[in-house]
Amino acid sequence: MKGKDHEDRRQAVALAYHESDGAPRVVAQGYGELAERIITEARRQGIHVHDAPELVGLLMQLDLDEAIPSRLYQVIAELLVWVYELAPGETSDKSRT
């Protein structure tokens, strides 16, 4: 069970999407120090980090390797478009939040 203490700490969720997947999947998530490590590693690898606390809060409710629910398809699709526009020509799986 996630308590109030989790809500006050930094949160991070990493998504990955491959064309063979039905939808993006959660590949990493954490609070506090783990969240900072996820963000640091993403930046170190040149992965764009998008700060959207409300979206992260929704994604934190998913399990690791779980596909995003259909109700989030539109917002995640818009985020992926944003990421791809930031890095034209890059078509790898480096789109994570």
C-alpha atoms as a PDB file:
ATOM      1  CA  MET A   1       0.000   0.000   0.000  1.00  0.00           C
ATOM      2  CA  LYS A   2       1.322   3.426  -0.910  1.00  0.00           C
ATOM      3  CA  GLY A   3       1.044   6.006   1.836  1.00  0.00           C
ATOM      4  CA  LYS A   4       1.215   9.793   2.074  1.00  0.00           C
ATOM      5  CA  ASP A   5       5.015   9.671   2.482  1.00  0.00           C
ATOM      6  CA  HIS A   6       5.342   8.420  -1.118  1.00  0.00           C
ATOM      7  CA  GLU A   7       3.307  11.368  -2.414  1.00  0.00           C
ATOM      8  CA  ASP A   8       5.726  13.898  -0.894  1.00  0.00           C
ATOM      9  CA  ARG A   9       8.850  12.408  -2.485  1.00  0.00           C
ATOM     10  CA  ARG A  10      10.136  12.644  -6.043  1.00  0.00           C
ATOM     11  CA  GLN A  11       8.630  10.022  -8.338  1.00  0.00           C
ATOM     12  CA  ALA A  12       9.847   8.689 -11.661  1.00  0.00           C
ATOM     13  CA  VAL A  13       8.478   6.259 -14.220  1.00  0.00           C
ATOM     14  CA  ALA A  14      10.263   5.078 -17.344  1.00  0.00           C
ATOM     15  CA  LEU A  15       8.298   3.848 -20.337  1.00  0.00           C
ATOM     16  CA  ALA A  16       9.506   1.922 -23.348  1.00  0.00           C
ATOM     17  CA  TYR A  17       7.679   1.348 -26.590  1.00  0.00           C
ATOM     18  CA  HIS A  18       8.571  -0.973 -29.421  1.00  0.00           C
ATOM     19  CA  GLU A  19       6.512  -1.258 -32.591  1.00  0.00           C
ATOM     20  CA  SER A  20       5.864  -4.914 -31.769  1.00  0.00           C
ATOM     21  CA  ASP A  21       4.239  -3.918 -28.432  1.00  0.00           C
ATOM     22  CA  GLY A  22       0.552  -3.187 -28.211  1.00  0.00           C
ATOM     23  CA  ALA A  23       1.247  -0.167 -25.996  1.00  0.00           C
ATOM     24  CA  PRO A  24       4.129   1.441 -24.090  1.00  0.00           C
ATOM     25  CA  ARG A  25       5.201  -0.476 -20.981  1.00  0.00           C
ATOM     26  CA  VAL A  26       6.514   0.558 -17.579  1.00  0.00           C
ATOM     27  CA  VAL A  27      10.182  -0.481 -17.447  1.00  0.00           C
ATOM     28  CA  ALA A  28      11.247   1.323 -14.251  1.00  0.00           C
ATOM     29  CA  GLN A  29       9.579   3.214 -11.434  1.00  0.00           C
ATOM     30  CA  GLY A  30      10.481   4.495  -8.010  1.00  0.00           C
ATOM     31  CA  TYR A  31      10.321   7.117  -5.306  1.00  0.00           C
ATOM     32  CA  GLY A  32      12.962   9.303  -3.683  1.00  0.00           C
ATOM     33  CA  GLU A  33      16.530   8.177  -4.278  1.00  0.00           C
ATOM     34  CA  LEU A  34      15.471   5.493  -6.748  1.00  0.00           C
ATOM     35  CA  ALA A  35      13.518   8.104  -8.725  1.00  0.00           C
ATOM     36  CA  GLU A  36      16.598  10.330  -8.828  1.00  0.00           C
ATOM     37  CA  ARG A  37      18.679   7.385 -10.082  1.00  0.00           C
ATOM     38  CA  ILE A  38      16.140   6.639 -12.833  1.00  0.00           C
ATOM     39  CA  ILE A  39      16.197  10.285 -13.955  1.00  0.00           C
ATOM     40  CA  THR A  40      19.991  10.525 -13.760  1.00  0.00           C
ATOM     41  CA  GLU A  41      20.447   7.344 -15.784  1.00  0.00           C
ATOM     42  CA  ALA A  42      17.930   8.488 -18.393  1.00  0.00           C
ATOM     43  CA  ARG A  43      19.740  11.790 -18.834  1.00  0.00           C
ATOM     44  CA  ARG A  44      23.127  10.042 -18.914  1.00  0.00           C
ATOM     45  CA  GLN A  45      21.881   7.921 -21.805  1.00  0.00           C
ATOM     46  CA  GLY A  46      20.453  10.911 -23.644  1.00  0.00           C
ATOM     47  CA  ILE A  47      16.837   9.977 -22.954  1.00  0.00           C
ATOM     48  CA  HIS A  48      14.462  12.915 -22.730  1.00  0.00           C
ATOM     49  CA  VAL A  49      12.879  13.394 -19.311  1.00  0.00           C
ATOM     50  CA  HIS A  50       9.423  14.954 -19.152  1.00  0.00           C
ATOM     51  CA  ASP A  51       8.215  16.278 -15.802  1.00  0.00           C
ATOM     52  CA  ALA A  52       4.455  15.780 -15.469  1.00  0.00           C
ATOM     53  CA  PRO A  53       3.576  14.970 -11.827  1.00  0.00           C
ATOM     54  CA  GLU A  54      -0.052  14.113 -12.550  1.00  0.00           C
ATOM     55  CA  LEU A  55       0.874  11.672 -15.308  1.00  0.00           C
ATOM     56  CA  VAL A  56       3.662  10.142 -13.227  1.00  0.00           C
ATOM     57  CA  GLY A  57       1.182   9.662 -10.380  1.00  0.00           C
ATOM     58  CA  LEU A  58      -1.129   7.711 -12.677  1.00  0.00           C
ATOM     59  CA  LEU A  59       1.711   5.632 -14.098  1.00  0.00           C
ATOM     60  CA  MET A  60       3.037   4.821 -10.609  1.00  0.00           C
ATOM     61  CA  GLN A  61      -0.148   2.806 -10.074  1.00  0.00           C
ATOM     62  CA  LEU A  62       0.952   0.334 -12.765  1.00  0.00           C
ATOM     63  CA  ASP A  63       3.188  -2.678 -12.192  1.00  0.00           C
ATOM     64  CA  LEU A  64       6.577  -3.116 -13.823  1.00  0.00           C
ATOM     65  CA  ASP A  65       6.294  -4.447 -17.374  1.00  0.00           C
ATOM     66  CA  GLU A  66       2.600  -3.553 -17.430  1.00  0.00           C
ATOM     67  CA  ALA A  67       1.292  -1.882 -20.571  1.00  0.00           C
ATOM     68  CA  ILE A  68      -0.326   1.497 -20.120  1.00  0.00           C
ATOM     69  CA  PRO A  69      -4.128   1.359 -19.984  1.00  0.00           C
ATOM     70  CA  SER A  70      -6.136   2.492 -23.000  1.00  0.00           C
ATOM     71  CA  ARG A  71      -7.419   5.559 -21.130  1.00  0.00           C
ATOM     72  CA  LEU A  72      -3.839   6.941 -21.217  1.00  0.00           C
ATOM     73  CA  TYR A  73      -3.148   6.222 -24.902  1.00  0.00           C
ATOM     74  CA  GLN A  74      -3.884   9.770 -26.052  1.00  0.00           C
ATOM     75  CA  VAL A  75      -1.711  11.535 -23.481  1.00  0.00           C
ATOM     76  CA  ILE A  76       1.172   9.084 -23.944  1.00  0.00           C
ATOM     77  CA  ALA A  77       0.897   9.376 -27.740  1.00  0.00           C
ATOM     78  CA  GLU A  78       1.141  13.169 -27.418  1.00  0.00           C
ATOM     79  CA  LEU A  79       4.169  12.771 -25.155  1.00  0.00           C
ATOM     80  CA  LEU A  80       5.863  10.433 -27.641  1.00  0.00           C
ATOM     81  CA  VAL A  81       5.225  12.921 -30.453  1.00  0.00           C
ATOM     82  CA  TRP A  82       6.826  15.628 -28.274  1.00  0.00           C
ATOM     83  CA  VAL A  83       9.877  13.415 -27.638  1.00  0.00           C
ATOM     84  CA  TYR A  84      10.284  12.518 -31.312  1.00  0.00           C
ATOM     85  CA  GLU A  85       9.969  16.185 -32.328  1.00  0.00           C
ATOM     86  CA  LEU A  86      12.758  17.075 -29.888  1.00  0.00           C
ATOM     87  CA  ALA A  87      15.073  14.512 -31.439  1.00  0.00           C
ATOM     88  CA  PRO A  88      14.313  14.290 -35.169  1.00  0.00           C
ATOM     89  CA  GLY A  89      16.010  11.378 -36.853  1.00  0.00           C
ATOM     90  CA  GLU A  90      16.264   9.315 -33.684  1.00  0.00           C
ATOM     91  CA  THR A  91      13.898   6.349 -33.904  1.00  0.00           C
ATOM     92  CA  SER A  92      15.308   4.168 -31.144  1.00  0.00           C
ATOM     93  CA  ASP A  93      13.424   3.103 -28.021  1.00  0.00           C
ATOM     94  CA  LYS A  94      14.798   6.028 -26.041  1.00  0.00           C
ATOM     95  CA  SER A  95      11.361   7.504 -25.341  1.00  0.00           C
ATOM     96  CA  ARG A  96      10.776   7.295 -21.628  1.00  0.00           C
ATOM     97  CA  THR A  97       9.190   9.529 -18.999  1.00  0.00           C
END
